[in-house]
Amino acid sequence: TYQKIRQVRQMIQDAQSAALIEVDGGIGTDNAGRLIEAGANVLVAGSAVFSSANPEKTIAALKKGGQ
């Protein structure tokens, strides 16, 4: 997954496009940082937030790249 995101990021840069890469599904604090590093701009993290014991803390951690 990360390699594919890197490939798409490179294609976007090569085309000088302003397109964003959105990843939806399977997003959590354990992988958000790696997805962002790979080139994702938008992360959709429904289950990670709604099933969390502390949604506000989870959202804050996701915004920091999962830290």
Protein backbone atom coordinates (compact mmCIF):
# COMPACT_ATOMS: atom_id res chain seq x y z
CA THR A 1 0.00 0.00 0.00
CA TYR A 2 2.69 2.50 0.95
CA GLN A 3 4.63 1.83 -2.25
CA LYS A 4 1.51 2.39 -4.36
CA ILE A 5 0.86 5.68 -2.59
CA ARG A 6 4.46 6.72 -3.31
CA GLN A 7 4.00 5.82 -6.97
CA VAL A 8 0.80 7.84 -7.25
CA ARG A 9 2.44 10.77 -5.42
CA GLN A 10 5.27 10.69 -7.97
CA MET A 11 2.78 10.63 -10.86
CA ILE A 12 0.97 13.64 -9.41
CA GLN A 13 4.25 15.53 -9.01
CA ASP A 14 5.40 14.61 -12.51
CA ALA A 15 2.12 15.92 -13.93
CA GLN A 16 2.42 19.07 -11.80
CA SER A 17 -1.08 18.36 -10.58
CA ALA A 18 -2.73 19.65 -7.42
CA ALA A 19 -4.56 16.35 -6.94
CA LEU A 20 -4.81 14.97 -3.43
CA ILE A 21 -4.41 11.35 -2.34
CA GLU A 22 -7.15 10.16 0.00
CA VAL A 23 -6.93 6.87 1.89
CA ASP A 24 -10.19 5.51 3.25
CA GLY A 25 -10.38 2.37 5.36
CA GLY A 26 -8.05 0.74 7.81
CA ILE A 27 -6.70 4.05 9.09
CA GLY A 28 -5.55 4.20 12.68
CA THR A 29 -2.93 5.72 14.91
CA ASP A 30 -0.64 2.79 14.09
CA ASN A 31 -0.37 3.57 10.37
CA ALA A 32 -1.39 7.22 9.87
CA GLY A 33 2.18 8.51 10.02
CA ARG A 34 3.46 6.02 7.45
CA LEU A 35 0.58 6.85 5.10
CA ILE A 36 1.33 10.56 5.37
CA GLU A 37 5.05 9.92 4.82
CA ALA A 38 4.19 7.88 1.73
CA GLY A 39 2.28 10.85 0.29
CA ALA A 40 -1.34 10.64 1.43
CA ASN A 41 -3.00 14.02 1.99
CA VAL A 42 -6.39 12.97 3.35
CA LEU A 43 -7.06 10.12 5.79
CA VAL A 44 -10.58 8.86 6.50
CA ALA A 45 -10.61 7.22 9.92
CA GLY A 46 -14.20 6.49 10.89
CA SER A 47 -13.87 3.26 12.85
CA ALA A 48 -10.67 4.35 14.58
CA VAL A 49 -12.46 7.41 15.92
CA PHE A 50 -15.94 6.08 16.62
CA SER A 51 -14.75 2.90 18.33
CA SER A 52 -12.17 4.74 20.42
CA ALA A 53 -12.60 5.12 24.17
CA ASN A 54 -11.43 8.71 23.73
CA PRO A 55 -12.34 10.02 20.24
CA GLU A 56 -10.88 13.48 20.85
CA LYS A 57 -7.51 12.02 21.82
CA THR A 58 -7.58 9.69 18.81
CA ILE A 59 -8.37 12.56 16.43
CA ALA A 60 -5.52 14.60 17.92
CA ALA A 61 -3.13 11.67 17.52
CA LEU A 62 -4.20 11.12 13.91
CA LYS A 63 -3.60 14.80 13.13
CA LYS A 64 -0.07 14.39 14.47
CA GLY A 65 0.52 11.43 12.19
CA GLY A 66 -0.55 8.79 14.67
CA GLN A 67 1.77 9.76 17.46
